[in-house]
Amino acid sequence: MEYKLSNEIEQLRIKTRDFVNGIIIPLESEKSSYDDHENINQTLLDNIRKQVKASGLWAPQMPIDRSGLGLGPIGMAVLYEEMNRSIFGPVCFNCAAPDDGNMYILNKIASNEQKVKWLDPIINGDVRSALAMTEPAPGGGSDPSMIKTEAVYSNNKWIVNGLKWYITGAGVASHFILLANTKDGLTAFLYHKDQPGWNIKRRIPIMGPEEHGGHCEIEYKGLEIPDENRLGEVGQGLKIVQIRLGLARLTHCMRWIGLSKRSLEIALEYVSHREGFGIKLADRESIQIKLGKAAMDIDISRLLVMRAAWKIENGSKARQDVSMAKIQVAETLNNVCDTAIQLNGARGYSKDTILEWIYRYARQAKLVDGATEVHQMIINRFFNNHKSDFWHWGIGHDL
């Protein structure tokens, strides 16, 4: 077992870290940097993205022949962690959800013609995208097999009717991946925002800051999709979802580790100079215990994420590993940010730091891409199937 990076990835990590520290983090303290939904405003984002492209750090997860850096999950884990030390980071590098996951599945599943039409504009940053999957009860949520939205085939096109909600990024997306039921099972489709037959009913208010385009409720009333815009085979939609969500869940974890690290950095900086009752906070044993526990939890999270990334890069689906990482990182993000706010006192609760932003954002981590309880059930299924062998180390490339 080796715990070291290639020289190439390490150099990219340092370059990404320096870009985030020098250019992106300072923007967080400027009120003018934000849009109405507490994210980086579009004009500023466009400017930073040009700088990212010029620096050679754009879309590291995409193939080199599609203007990316060609990194696999291991390299992604390293860079995404550095990017999300800023709340603005991932979107500046074109590594934010949902575009990140949508690019991944389009690159893996789409035909060459579909890649040119639907994928390349997302990679280039010309358009944003969304995945229309989740539905209100009794439709599909954590269980996509419950999807009620229907697509009926007629005259070489599909007619779609149904309701989706909490569709991230839909408010600004141009390219959509849609999951709907056909007579042969769940199927994936591609459509453009300008096509008639669908509308955004509302942008759903949430407790935390929002991604670009928010979380929307969408209604489909006779949306017509040519069969050439079907993604994958008819009835293979559930498989496509599983392929997309596996790595997407892990990329969430990669980014959340960055937010956890930043929270602890802010806490450490504050307690290192803040004095009370004749002693620095950092010199108090109770503070050292809190910081040590938080640092340990972050490192456990990083190890779980990197193990899952390594397995995926070497051909495994790593489902139980992704589930364990998802639970651990979500808990760590919530706990570390809470600790950082506590150590900063009233300053942490105010908007003088980004801790309150991260704190409100963090709560979704236990819900998105499968609630914690769903992932615990997945882990239990593997444990029941393998019994004591659940904890095997593996030999060579035995995953």
Protein backbone atom coordinates (compact mmCIF):
# COMPACT_ATOMS: atom_id res chain seq x y z
CA MET A 1 0.00 0.00 0.00
CA GLU A 2 1.44 3.34 -1.03
CA TYR A 3 0.23 6.72 0.16
CA LYS A 4 1.90 9.14 -2.20
CA LEU A 5 0.98 11.15 -5.26
CA SER A 6 2.60 11.24 -8.67
CA ASN A 7 4.76 14.28 -9.34
CA GLU A 8 2.25 15.44 -11.97
CA ILE A 9 -0.70 15.41 -9.57
CA GLU A 10 1.32 17.02 -6.79
CA GLN A 11 2.36 19.88 -9.06
CA LEU A 12 -1.25 20.39 -10.13
CA ARG A 13 -2.30 20.34 -6.48
CA ILE A 14 0.16 23.08 -5.58
CA LYS A 15 -0.85 25.13 -8.60
CA THR A 16 -4.55 24.76 -7.71
CA ARG A 17 -3.90 25.63 -4.06
CA ASP A 18 -1.99 28.76 -5.01
CA PHE A 19 -4.71 29.87 -7.43
CA VAL A 20 -7.41 29.38 -4.79
CA ASN A 21 -5.39 31.16 -2.09
CA GLY A 22 -4.26 34.05 -4.25
CA ILE A 23 -7.25 34.74 -6.48
CA ILE A 24 -10.47 33.08 -5.30
CA ILE A 25 -10.47 33.21 -1.49
CA PRO A 26 -9.97 37.01 -1.35
CA LEU A 27 -13.21 37.41 -3.34
CA GLU A 28 -15.27 35.90 -0.51
CA SER A 29 -14.87 38.99 1.66
CA GLU A 30 -16.24 41.35 -1.01
CA LYS A 31 -20.01 41.85 -0.96
CA SER A 32 -19.99 42.63 -4.67
CA SER A 33 -18.71 39.11 -5.42
CA TYR A 34 -22.08 37.53 -4.57
CA ASP A 35 -25.30 37.11 -6.53
CA ASP A 36 -28.78 37.21 -4.99
CA HIS A 37 -28.53 33.54 -3.99
CA GLU A 38 -25.22 33.81 -2.08
CA ASN A 39 -23.01 32.43 -4.80
CA ILE A 40 -20.35 34.03 -6.98
CA ASN A 41 -21.97 36.45 -9.43
CA GLN A 42 -21.96 35.52 -13.09
CA THR A 43 -19.81 38.40 -14.37
CA LEU A 44 -17.09 37.68 -11.84
CA LEU A 45 -17.36 33.94 -12.49
CA ASP A 46 -16.84 34.44 -16.22
CA ASN A 47 -13.71 36.48 -15.50
CA ILE A 48 -12.23 33.94 -13.08
CA ARG A 49 -12.97 31.08 -15.45
CA LYS A 50 -10.91 32.81 -18.14
CA GLN A 51 -8.01 32.99 -15.68
CA VAL A 52 -8.41 29.31 -14.79
CA LYS A 53 -8.28 28.35 -18.47
CA ALA A 54 -5.19 30.50 -18.98
CA SER A 55 -3.51 28.81 -16.01
CA GLY A 56 -4.06 25.32 -17.45
CA LEU A 57 -6.32 24.08 -14.65
CA TRP A 58 -9.65 23.92 -16.50
CA ALA A 59 -11.86 20.78 -16.31
CA PRO A 60 -9.19 18.42 -14.96
CA GLN A 61 -11.68 15.51 -14.92
CA MET A 62 -12.30 15.60 -18.69
CA PRO A 63 -10.18 13.93 -21.40
CA ILE A 64 -7.28 15.87 -22.89
CA ASP A 65 -8.80 15.60 -26.38
CA ARG A 66 -11.91 17.36 -25.02
CA SER A 67 -9.94 20.28 -23.51
CA GLY A 68 -9.50 18.75 -20.06
CA LEU A 69 -6.49 17.45 -18.13
CA GLY A 70 -7.40 13.77 -18.33
CA LEU A 71 -7.24 13.03 -14.58
CA GLY A 72 -8.92 10.01 -13.02
CA PRO A 73 -10.64 9.82 -9.61
CA ILE A 74 -7.36 9.92 -7.66
CA GLY A 75 -6.22 13.16 -9.24
CA MET A 76 -9.73 14.55 -8.98
CA ALA A 77 -9.82 13.83 -5.24
CA VAL A 78 -6.62 15.79 -4.70
CA LEU A 79 -7.57 18.80 -6.81
CA TYR A 80 -11.24 19.02 -5.77
CA GLU A 81 -10.20 19.13 -2.13
CA GLU A 82 -7.96 22.11 -2.85
CA MET A 83 -10.60 23.85 -4.99
CA ASN A 84 -13.30 23.77 -2.34
CA ARG A 85 -11.21 25.40 0.31
CA SER A 86 -13.10 28.34 -1.17
CA ILE A 87 -16.89 28.39 -1.32
CA PHE A 88 -16.51 29.71 -4.89
CA GLY A 89 -13.80 27.27 -5.95
CA PRO A 90 -15.29 24.28 -7.81
CA VAL A 91 -17.50 26.25 -10.19
CA CYS A 92 -14.51 28.38 -11.22
CA PHE A 93 -12.67 25.25 -12.41
CA ASN A 94 -15.81 23.70 -13.97
CA CYS A 95 -15.81 21.00 -11.32
CA ALA A 96 -19.07 21.83 -9.53
CA ALA A 97 -22.25 19.79 -9.31
CA PRO A 98 -24.34 19.05 -11.28
CA ASP A 99 -22.20 19.83 -14.35
CA ASP A 100 -19.39 17.65 -13.03
CA GLY A 101 -21.49 14.49 -12.85
CA ASN A 102 -23.30 15.25 -16.09
CA MET A 103 -20.03 15.67 -17.97
CA TYR A 104 -18.80 12.39 -16.55
CA ILE A 105 -21.77 10.33 -17.68
CA LEU A 106 -22.00 12.02 -21.09
CA ASN A 107 -18.32 11.34 -21.69
CA LYS A 108 -18.79 7.71 -20.67
CA ILE A 109 -22.13 6.88 -22.30
CA ALA A 110 -22.98 9.36 -25.09
CA SER A 111 -22.34 8.70 -28.77
CA ASN A 112 -19.70 10.77 -30.56
CA GLU A 113 -22.41 12.93 -32.12
CA GLN A 114 -24.07 13.46 -28.75
CA LYS A 115 -20.77 14.41 -27.17
CA VAL A 116 -20.21 17.15 -29.72
CA LYS A 117 -23.73 18.50 -29.28
CA TRP A 118 -24.41 18.00 -25.57
CA LEU A 119 -21.07 17.49 -23.79
CA ASP A 120 -18.55 19.83 -25.38
CA PRO A 121 -20.54 23.03 -24.67
CA ILE A 122 -20.64 22.08 -20.97
CA ILE A 123 -16.92 21.32 -20.89
CA ASN A 124 -16.16 24.63 -22.61
CA GLY A 125 -18.27 26.50 -20.06
CA ASP A 126 -20.64 27.81 -22.73
CA VAL A 127 -23.72 26.28 -21.06
CA ARG A 128 -24.77 24.83 -17.71
CA SER A 129 -26.62 21.54 -17.25
CA ALA A 130 -29.00 19.70 -14.92
CA LEU A 131 -30.06 16.13 -14.15
CA ALA A 132 -33.87 15.83 -13.93
CA MET A 133 -34.35 12.70 -11.83
CA THR A 134 -35.80 13.34 -8.37
CA GLU A 135 -39.58 13.49 -7.96
CA PRO A 136 -42.02 14.36 -5.17
CA ALA A 137 -43.60 11.41 -3.34
CA PRO A 138 -44.73 8.88 -4.38
CA GLY A 139 -42.17 9.29 -7.18
CA GLY A 140 -38.48 8.46 -7.25
CA GLY A 141 -36.08 9.93 -4.71
CA SER A 142 -33.22 7.87 -3.31
CA ASP A 143 -34.82 4.95 -5.16
CA PRO A 144 -34.83 5.85 -8.89
CA SER A 145 -36.87 2.73 -9.70
CA MET A 146 -39.90 4.58 -8.28
CA ILE A 147 -39.81 7.28 -10.98
CA LYS A 148 -43.30 8.12 -12.27
CA THR A 149 -42.48 10.49 -15.13
CA GLU A 150 -43.39 8.70 -18.37
CA ALA A 151 -41.97 8.76 -21.89
CA VAL A 152 -44.12 7.23 -24.64
CA TYR A 153 -42.60 6.40 -28.04
CA SER A 154 -44.41 7.59 -31.16
CA ASN A 155 -43.15 8.33 -34.69
CA ASN A 156 -39.44 8.27 -33.82
CA LYS A 157 -39.85 10.58 -30.83
CA TRP A 158 -40.64 10.34 -27.14
CA ILE A 159 -43.50 12.24 -25.48
CA VAL A 160 -42.73 13.06 -21.85
CA ASN A 161 -45.20 13.88 -19.07
CA GLY A 162 -44.53 14.12 -15.36
CA LEU A 163 -43.18 16.14 -12.45
CA LYS A 164 -39.67 16.57 -11.06
CA TRP A 165 -38.41 18.58 -8.12
CA TYR A 166 -35.20 19.66 -6.36
CA ILE A 167 -33.51 19.68 -9.75
CA THR A 168 -30.21 21.40 -9.04
CA GLY A 169 -29.14 24.09 -11.47
CA ALA A 170 -32.33 23.95 -13.57
CA GLY A 171 -32.84 27.71 -13.37
CA VAL A 172 -29.80 28.42 -15.55
CA ALA A 173 -29.30 25.08 -17.32
CA SER A 174 -29.44 24.78 -21.10
CA HIS A 175 -28.72 21.04 -21.38
CA PHE A 176 -30.79 18.54 -19.41
CA ILE A 177 -30.46 14.82 -18.77
CA LEU A 178 -33.94 13.47 -18.03
CA LEU A 179 -34.86 10.13 -16.45
CA ALA A 180 -38.29 8.79 -17.40
CA ASN A 181 -40.12 5.48 -17.43
CA THR A 182 -40.87 3.74 -20.72
CA LYS A 183 -42.72 0.47 -21.29
CA ASP A 184 -39.31 -1.21 -21.22
CA GLY A 185 -38.09 0.48 -18.06
CA LEU A 186 -36.24 3.58 -16.95
CA THR A 187 -34.57 5.43 -19.84
CA ALA A 188 -32.34 8.53 -20.08
CA PHE A 189 -32.94 11.38 -22.53
CA LEU A 190 -31.34 14.68 -23.51
CA TYR A 191 -33.22 17.91 -24.15
CA HIS A 192 -32.52 21.63 -24.53
CA LYS A 193 -34.08 24.40 -22.47
CA ASP A 194 -35.65 26.01 -25.58
CA GLN A 195 -37.77 22.98 -26.43
CA PRO A 196 -41.50 23.41 -25.71
CA GLY A 197 -43.51 21.09 -23.49
CA TRP A 198 -41.92 21.76 -20.12
CA ASN A 199 -41.65 24.58 -17.59
CA ILE A 200 -40.10 25.46 -14.26
CA LYS A 201 -42.98 25.77 -11.78
CA ARG A 202 -40.87 27.34 -9.05
CA ARG A 203 -37.41 27.72 -7.58
CA ILE A 204 -37.69 25.93 -4.23
CA PRO A 205 -36.43 28.00 -1.27
CA ILE A 206 -33.84 26.18 0.84
CA MET A 207 -32.14 26.86 4.16
CA GLY A 208 -28.66 27.16 2.73
CA PRO A 209 -26.89 29.09 -0.03
CA GLU A 210 -27.71 27.76 -3.48
CA GLU A 211 -25.83 26.46 -6.46
CA HIS A 212 -26.23 28.44 -9.67
CA GLY A 213 -29.75 27.85 -10.93
CA GLY A 214 -31.12 26.79 -7.57
CA HIS A 215 -33.26 23.73 -6.90
CA CYS A 216 -36.34 23.75 -9.09
CA GLU A 217 -39.67 22.03 -9.54
CA ILE A 218 -40.24 21.08 -13.18
CA GLU A 219 -43.42 20.06 -14.97
CA TYR A 220 -43.48 18.12 -18.25
CA LYS A 221 -46.56 18.37 -20.46
CA GLY A 222 -45.92 16.77 -23.80
CA LEU A 223 -42.19 17.43 -24.13
CA GLU A 224 -41.10 15.84 -27.43
CA ILE A 225 -37.62 14.34 -27.59
CA PRO A 226 -36.26 12.86 -30.86
CA ASP A 227 -35.01 9.31 -30.46
CA GLU A 228 -31.55 10.49 -31.52
CA ASN A 229 -31.43 12.37 -28.20
CA ARG A 230 -31.98 9.23 -26.15
CA LEU A 231 -28.95 8.60 -23.93
CA GLY A 232 -28.00 4.95 -23.91
CA GLU A 233 -30.31 2.04 -24.60
CA VAL A 234 -34.01 1.92 -23.80
CA GLY A 235 -34.54 0.46 -20.34
CA GLN A 236 -30.93 1.08 -19.24
CA GLY A 237 -31.65 4.32 -17.37
CA LEU A 238 -31.19 2.84 -13.91
CA LYS A 239 -27.74 1.52 -14.87
CA ILE A 240 -26.82 4.95 -16.24
CA VAL A 241 -27.98 6.60 -13.01
CA GLN A 242 -25.90 4.21 -10.93
CA ILE A 243 -22.81 4.89 -13.05
CA ARG A 244 -23.26 8.65 -12.73
CA LEU A 245 -24.15 8.76 -9.05
CA GLY A 246 -21.32 6.48 -7.93
CA LEU A 247 -18.57 8.93 -8.81
CA ALA A 248 -20.80 11.98 -8.27
CA ARG A 249 -21.30 11.02 -4.62
CA LEU A 250 -17.57 10.71 -4.23
CA THR A 251 -16.85 14.06 -5.89
CA HIS A 252 -19.23 15.67 -3.40
CA CYS A 253 -17.07 14.15 -0.67
CA MET A 254 -13.88 15.43 -2.29
CA ARG A 255 -15.25 18.96 -2.28
CA TRP A 256 -16.71 18.76 1.23
CA ILE A 257 -13.30 17.83 2.62
CA GLY A 258 -12.02 21.13 1.26
CA LEU A 259 -14.76 23.01 3.12
CA SER A 260 -13.97 21.06 6.29
CA LYS A 261 -10.29 21.94 6.04
CA ARG A 262 -11.05 25.61 5.45
CA SER A 263 -13.34 25.70 8.49
CA LEU A 264 -10.63 24.26 10.70
CA GLU A 265 -8.03 26.64 9.24
CA ILE A 266 -10.22 29.59 10.22
CA ALA A 267 -10.67 28.18 13.71
CA LEU A 268 -6.96 27.53 14.20
CA GLU A 269 -6.00 31.02 13.04
CA TYR A 270 -8.45 32.60 15.49
CA VAL A 271 -7.61 30.56 18.61
CA SER A 272 -3.89 31.01 17.93
CA HIS A 273 -4.04 34.74 18.68
CA ARG A 274 -7.27 35.21 20.70
CA GLU A 275 -6.64 35.55 24.45
CA GLY A 276 -9.01 35.23 27.36
CA PHE A 277 -8.39 35.22 31.10
CA GLY A 278 -4.66 35.59 30.56
CA ILE A 279 -4.12 32.70 28.16
CA LYS A 280 -4.43 32.09 24.43
CA LEU A 281 -7.33 29.86 23.47
CA ALA A 282 -4.94 27.58 21.59
CA ASP A 283 -3.11 26.85 24.84
CA ARG A 284 -6.22 25.55 26.56
CA GLU A 285 -6.46 21.77 26.72
CA SER A 286 -10.18 21.80 25.90
CA ILE A 287 -9.49 23.71 22.69
CA GLN A 288 -6.64 21.37 21.72
CA ILE A 289 -8.95 18.37 22.16
CA LYS A 290 -11.55 19.90 19.84
CA LEU A 291 -8.99 20.78 17.18
CA GLY A 292 -7.30 17.39 17.38
CA LYS A 293 -10.60 15.53 17.03
CA ALA A 294 -11.61 17.65 14.03
CA ALA A 295 -8.23 17.18 12.32
CA MET A 296 -8.42 13.42 12.85
CA ASP A 297 -11.95 13.21 11.43
CA ILE A 298 -10.89 15.12 8.33
CA ASP A 299 -7.97 12.76 7.78
CA ILE A 300 -10.23 9.70 8.20
CA SER A 301 -12.50 11.25 5.58
CA ARG A 302 -9.60 11.78 3.18
CA LEU A 303 -8.45 8.18 3.54
CA LEU A 304 -11.92 6.79 2.86
CA VAL A 305 -12.37 9.03 -0.17
CA MET A 306 -8.96 8.14 -1.59
CA ARG A 307 -9.55 4.41 -1.07
CA ALA A 308 -12.83 4.66 -3.00
CA ALA A 309 -11.17 6.79 -5.69
CA TRP A 310 -8.36 4.25 -6.07
CA LYS A 311 -10.82 1.39 -6.39
CA ILE A 312 -12.90 3.19 -9.02
CA GLU A 313 -9.78 4.12 -10.96
CA ASN A 314 -8.81 0.45 -10.95
CA GLY A 315 -12.14 -0.80 -12.25
CA SER A 316 -14.27 -1.39 -9.15
CA LYS A 317 -17.70 0.13 -8.57
CA ALA A 318 -16.68 0.54 -4.91
CA ARG A 319 -20.29 1.02 -3.84
CA GLN A 320 -19.81 0.24 -0.17
CA ASP A 321 -16.65 2.35 -0.12
CA VAL A 322 -18.45 5.33 -1.63
CA SER A 323 -21.28 4.92 0.88
CA MET A 324 -18.85 4.83 3.80
CA ALA A 325 -17.08 7.92 2.50
CA LYS A 326 -20.38 9.72 1.94
CA ILE A 327 -21.51 9.13 5.54
CA GLN A 328 -18.15 9.97 7.12
CA VAL A 329 -17.49 13.13 5.10
CA ALA A 330 -21.02 14.49 5.54
CA GLU A 331 -20.80 14.01 9.32
CA THR A 332 -17.31 15.49 9.40
CA LEU A 333 -18.30 18.59 7.45
CA ASN A 334 -21.21 19.29 9.78
CA ASN A 335 -19.24 18.60 12.96
CA VAL A 336 -16.06 20.44 11.97
CA CYS A 337 -17.92 23.54 10.86
CA ASP A 338 -19.92 23.51 14.08
CA THR A 339 -16.69 23.23 16.08
CA ALA A 340 -15.11 26.08 14.11
CA ILE A 341 -18.08 28.35 14.80
CA GLN A 342 -17.96 27.46 18.50
CA LEU A 343 -14.26 28.29 18.71
CA ASN A 344 -14.79 31.60 16.92
CA GLY A 345 -17.64 32.56 19.21
CA ALA A 346 -19.88 35.39 18.02
CA ARG A 347 -17.45 36.02 15.15
CA GLY A 348 -18.17 32.57 13.77
CA TYR A 349 -21.94 33.10 13.97
CA SER A 350 -21.67 36.39 12.10
CA LYS A 351 -21.03 36.98 8.42
CA ASP A 352 -17.54 38.30 9.19
CA THR A 353 -16.30 34.80 8.27
CA ILE A 354 -17.67 32.26 5.78
CA LEU A 355 -18.30 29.75 8.56
CA GLU A 356 -22.02 30.53 8.81
CA TRP A 357 -22.28 30.08 5.00
CA ILE A 358 -20.59 26.67 5.22
CA TYR A 359 -22.70 25.71 8.24
CA ARG A 360 -25.98 26.30 6.39
CA TYR A 361 -24.66 24.63 3.25
CA ALA A 362 -23.36 21.60 5.17
CA ARG A 363 -26.73 20.30 6.31
CA GLN A 364 -27.59 19.13 2.80
CA ALA A 365 -24.60 16.80 2.82
CA LYS A 366 -26.53 14.23 4.85
CA LEU A 367 -29.36 14.27 2.30
CA VAL A 368 -28.15 14.82 -1.26
CA ASP A 369 -27.28 11.84 -3.49
CA GLY A 370 -28.74 9.45 -0.95
CA ALA A 371 -29.53 10.15 2.69
CA THR A 372 -27.17 8.81 5.36
CA GLU A 373 -29.66 6.10 6.27
CA VAL A 374 -29.81 4.85 2.66
CA HIS A 375 -26.04 4.52 2.56
CA GLN A 376 -26.04 2.67 5.89
CA MET A 377 -28.47 0.19 4.34
CA ILE A 378 -26.14 -0.24 1.36
CA ILE A 379 -23.20 -0.95 3.65
CA ASN A 380 -25.28 -3.43 5.61
CA ARG A 381 -26.22 -5.26 2.39
CA PHE A 382 -22.56 -5.78 1.55
CA PHE A 383 -21.80 -6.82 5.13
CA ASN A 384 -24.58 -9.39 5.12
CA ASN A 385 -23.42 -10.77 1.78
CA HIS A 386 -19.74 -11.05 2.69
CA LYS A 387 -19.84 -11.53 6.48
CA SER A 388 -16.29 -11.38 7.90
CA ASP A 389 -14.83 -11.01 4.41
CA PHE A 390 -16.39 -7.54 4.33
CA TRP A 391 -13.14 -6.32 5.93
CA HIS A 392 -10.73 -8.07 3.56
CA TRP A 393 -7.67 -6.14 2.44
CA GLY A 394 -7.50 -7.42 -1.10
CA ILE A 395 -4.42 -8.80 -2.82
CA GLY A 396 -2.83 -6.97 -5.72
CA HIS A 397 -5.74 -5.70 -7.83
CA ASP A 398 -8.34 -7.77 -5.96
CA LEU A 399 -10.91 -5.06 -5.23
